[in-house]
Amino acid sequence: MPITITCPDCDARIRAPDSMQGRPVKCPKCGAQFTADGNGDSGVGPDPIPEPPPPPPPEPVTREALWSEVAKAPDNHPAPSPLPVPLPVPAMEQRSPNVVVDFLLFRKLIAPVLVQVLFWIGVLGCIVVGGLMFATVLALLNRGATFGIVVWPLLSTLAVWFLGPLVIRVFCEVLILFFRMNDTLTAIKNATEKQWRDD
């Protein structure tokens, strides 16, 4: 199998038979003599340059380092930021602790309180209506009404007493669900703004 050797003087590549490996040869181009080694070079040339080691992985960028780079950058050429920079919270978005101001600016909703008041009014109404219906049942029994006549008003009274508050409760929960979602989203927004201000 032929081998390829390289002249150390003129870098000419020469194909030679396998039997020439380790023997002295003469370059047909420049006439220099060298020993053939069959690895593509003469064997007397400089050692091959080793490949450099791979670069170390980049260190993670911290928030403090990012802000220091932004502070060092010129005003007209801001430094690129590999991390998202939190935007400052505008002054008008910061919540005031004043309850009256929150009420006037619709930051604090009163509808959930009204829904709870309506629930208790509805429960009280069920108790009163059920009591009136039970009084009617008692009046029918005093007049000597039969069981067939009294059973339906009695069942209606029990339904108003026990099922009425349950139906009102489910209705009020459906109404108040939207306000609870609004309160939860507002709390998440306030916590996010506080974290940004602290950072």
Protein backbone atom coordinates (compact mmCIF):
# COMPACT_ATOMS: atom_id res chain seq x y z
CA MET A 1 0.00 0.00 0.00
CA PRO A 2 1.57 3.35 -1.00
CA ILE A 3 2.34 5.92 1.67
CA THR A 4 2.42 9.72 1.50
CA ILE A 5 5.51 11.55 2.78
CA THR A 6 6.15 15.28 3.01
CA CYS A 7 9.44 17.07 2.31
CA PRO A 8 10.48 19.16 5.35
CA ASP A 9 12.11 21.83 3.13
CA CYS A 10 9.60 22.50 0.37
CA ASP A 11 6.47 20.76 1.83
CA ALA A 12 6.09 18.72 -1.33
CA ARG A 13 3.96 15.59 -0.90
CA ILE A 14 5.44 12.41 -2.37
CA ARG A 15 3.77 9.04 -2.83
CA ALA A 16 6.12 6.12 -2.21
CA PRO A 17 5.75 2.35 -1.76
CA ASP A 18 5.23 0.98 1.72
CA SER A 19 8.71 -0.51 1.72
CA MET A 20 10.23 3.01 1.81
CA GLN A 21 8.96 3.67 5.29
CA GLY A 22 11.83 4.46 7.70
CA ARG A 23 14.39 4.76 4.90
CA PRO A 24 16.18 7.87 3.70
CA VAL A 25 14.61 9.42 0.59
CA LYS A 26 15.46 12.34 -1.65
CA CYS A 27 12.86 14.97 -2.59
CA PRO A 28 12.49 15.03 -6.40
CA LYS A 29 11.51 18.69 -6.26
CA CYS A 30 14.22 20.34 -4.12
CA GLY A 31 16.71 17.50 -3.65
CA ALA A 32 16.60 17.51 0.16
CA GLN A 33 17.21 14.19 1.90
CA PHE A 34 15.05 13.04 4.83
CA THR A 35 13.64 9.88 6.44
CA ALA A 36 10.18 8.74 5.30
CA ASP A 37 7.75 7.88 8.06
CA GLY A 38 4.51 7.43 6.08
CA ASN A 39 2.34 9.71 8.26
CA GLY A 40 2.21 12.52 5.80
CA ASP A 41 5.34 14.26 7.09
CA SER A 42 9.04 13.62 6.97
CA GLY A 43 9.68 12.59 10.54
CA VAL A 44 12.30 15.32 10.97
CA GLY A 45 9.95 18.24 10.89
CA PRO A 46 8.48 19.98 13.92
CA ASP A 47 6.01 18.12 16.12
CA PRO A 48 2.37 18.67 15.29
CA ILE A 49 0.73 21.48 17.25
CA PRO A 50 -1.72 20.02 19.78
CA GLU A 51 -5.28 21.21 19.60
CA PRO A 52 -6.13 23.83 22.22
CA PRO A 53 -8.45 22.67 25.01
CA PRO A 54 -12.08 23.67 24.65
CA PRO A 55 -12.98 26.98 26.29
CA PRO A 56 -14.60 26.74 29.72
CA PRO A 57 -18.36 27.18 29.86
CA PRO A 58 -19.51 30.76 30.48
CA GLU A 59 -20.36 31.65 34.04
CA PRO A 60 -24.04 32.44 34.75
CA VAL A 61 -24.84 36.13 34.70
CA THR A 62 -26.16 37.44 38.01
CA ARG A 63 -28.51 40.35 38.40
CA GLU A 64 -25.84 42.40 40.19
CA ALA A 65 -23.31 41.88 37.39
CA LEU A 66 -25.94 42.81 34.80
CA TRP A 67 -26.78 46.07 36.58
CA SER A 68 -23.08 46.93 36.96
CA GLU A 69 -22.59 46.44 33.19
CA VAL A 70 -25.60 48.66 32.45
CA ALA A 71 -24.22 51.33 34.76
CA LYS A 72 -20.81 51.24 33.01
CA ALA A 73 -22.26 51.55 29.50
CA PRO A 74 -22.40 54.97 27.80
CA ASP A 75 -25.76 56.70 27.72
CA ASN A 76 -26.11 56.51 23.95
CA HIS A 77 -24.94 52.86 23.71
CA PRO A 78 -26.58 50.77 26.42
CA ALA A 79 -25.02 47.41 27.13
CA PRO A 80 -26.91 44.39 25.84
CA SER A 81 -28.72 42.55 28.62
CA PRO A 82 -28.87 38.74 28.41
CA LEU A 83 -31.47 38.69 31.19
CA PRO A 84 -34.83 40.47 31.16
CA VAL A 85 -34.53 43.68 33.13
CA PRO A 86 -37.58 44.37 35.31
CA LEU A 87 -39.29 47.61 34.46
CA PRO A 88 -39.68 50.15 37.24
CA VAL A 89 -43.17 50.39 38.64
CA PRO A 90 -44.78 53.73 37.75
CA ALA A 91 -45.72 55.88 40.70
CA MET A 92 -49.39 55.90 39.71
CA GLU A 93 -49.51 52.10 39.91
CA GLN A 94 -48.18 51.92 43.46
CA ARG A 95 -50.99 51.22 45.86
CA SER A 96 -51.73 53.68 48.61
CA PRO A 97 -52.71 52.37 52.03
CA ASN A 98 -55.65 54.82 52.21
CA VAL A 99 -58.95 52.91 52.26
CA VAL A 100 -61.01 55.91 51.13
CA VAL A 101 -58.76 56.52 48.11
CA ASP A 102 -58.90 52.83 47.19
CA PHE A 103 -62.70 52.95 47.44
CA LEU A 104 -63.03 56.11 45.33
CA LEU A 105 -60.66 54.80 42.63
CA PHE A 106 -62.42 51.38 42.50
CA ARG A 107 -59.34 49.59 43.74
CA LYS A 108 -61.37 48.06 46.53
CA LEU A 109 -64.60 46.41 45.36
CA ILE A 110 -67.70 46.40 47.58
CA ALA A 111 -69.69 43.98 45.43
CA PRO A 112 -68.36 40.88 47.29
CA VAL A 113 -69.60 42.36 50.57
CA LEU A 114 -72.99 43.10 49.02
CA VAL A 115 -73.24 39.51 47.75
CA GLN A 116 -72.62 38.22 51.27
CA VAL A 117 -75.26 40.59 52.67
CA LEU A 118 -77.74 39.41 50.03
CA PHE A 119 -77.01 35.79 51.00
CA TRP A 120 -77.88 36.39 54.66
CA ILE A 121 -80.98 38.37 53.67
CA GLY A 122 -82.02 35.43 51.46
CA VAL A 123 -81.45 32.93 54.29
CA LEU A 124 -83.49 35.10 56.65
CA GLY A 125 -86.23 35.34 54.01
CA CYS A 126 -86.30 31.54 53.65
CA ILE A 127 -86.69 31.16 57.42
CA VAL A 128 -89.52 33.72 57.56
CA VAL A 129 -91.38 32.29 54.52
CA GLY A 130 -90.94 28.76 55.82
CA GLY A 131 -92.28 29.86 59.22
CA LEU A 132 -95.35 31.40 57.61
CA MET A 133 -95.94 28.23 55.61
CA PHE A 134 -95.55 26.12 58.74
CA ALA A 135 -98.09 28.35 60.51
CA THR A 136 -100.47 27.64 57.62
CA VAL A 137 -99.91 23.89 58.12
CA LEU A 138 -100.69 24.25 61.83
CA ALA A 139 -103.86 26.24 61.04
CA LEU A 140 -105.00 23.50 58.66
CA LEU A 141 -104.40 20.86 61.33
CA ASN A 142 -106.43 22.90 63.85
CA ARG A 143 -109.35 23.00 61.43
CA GLY A 144 -109.26 19.22 61.16
CA ALA A 145 -107.72 18.92 57.66
CA THR A 146 -106.77 15.43 56.49
CA PHE A 147 -103.20 14.23 56.01
CA GLY A 148 -103.48 14.39 52.20
CA ILE A 149 -104.23 18.11 52.37
CA VAL A 150 -101.50 18.92 54.91
CA VAL A 151 -98.63 16.85 53.42
CA TRP A 152 -97.89 19.15 50.45
CA PRO A 153 -97.74 22.40 52.46
CA LEU A 154 -95.55 20.59 55.01
CA LEU A 155 -93.12 19.34 52.32
CA SER A 156 -93.03 22.82 50.77
CA THR A 157 -92.16 24.28 54.18
CA LEU A 158 -89.27 21.83 54.62
CA ALA A 159 -88.03 22.56 51.09
CA VAL A 160 -88.04 26.32 51.76
CA TRP A 161 -86.21 25.86 55.07
CA PHE A 162 -83.50 23.46 53.87
CA LEU A 163 -83.22 23.77 50.07
CA GLY A 164 -83.81 27.55 49.89
CA PRO A 165 -80.57 28.56 51.68
CA LEU A 166 -78.63 25.99 49.65
CA VAL A 167 -79.89 27.39 46.32
CA ILE A 168 -79.17 30.95 47.45
CA ARG A 169 -75.67 29.92 48.56
CA VAL A 170 -74.83 28.37 45.16
CA PHE A 171 -76.14 31.47 43.36
CA CYS A 172 -74.07 33.80 45.54
CA GLU A 173 -70.95 31.67 45.11
CA VAL A 174 -71.28 31.92 41.33
CA LEU A 175 -71.57 35.71 41.63
CA ILE A 176 -68.66 36.09 44.04
CA LEU A 177 -66.36 33.77 42.06
CA PHE A 178 -65.49 36.58 39.60
CA PHE A 179 -64.58 38.93 42.43
CA ARG A 180 -62.40 36.28 44.07
CA MET A 181 -60.52 35.83 40.79
CA ASN A 182 -60.02 39.59 40.61
CA ASP A 183 -58.69 39.66 44.20
CA THR A 184 -56.29 36.79 43.47
CA LEU A 185 -54.94 38.43 40.30
CA THR A 186 -54.54 41.74 42.16
CA ALA A 187 -52.60 40.00 44.94
CA ILE A 188 -50.31 38.33 42.37
CA LYS A 189 -49.71 41.67 40.66
CA ASN A 190 -48.91 43.42 43.96
CA ALA A 191 -46.50 40.63 44.97
CA THR A 192 -44.74 40.83 41.58
CA GLU A 193 -44.41 44.62 41.80
CA LYS A 194 -43.03 44.34 45.36
CA GLN A 195 -40.46 41.77 44.23
CA TRP A 196 -39.36 44.01 41.37
CA ARG A 197 -38.98 46.98 43.72
CA ASP A 198 -37.00 44.88 46.20
CA ASP A 199 -34.68 43.57 43.47
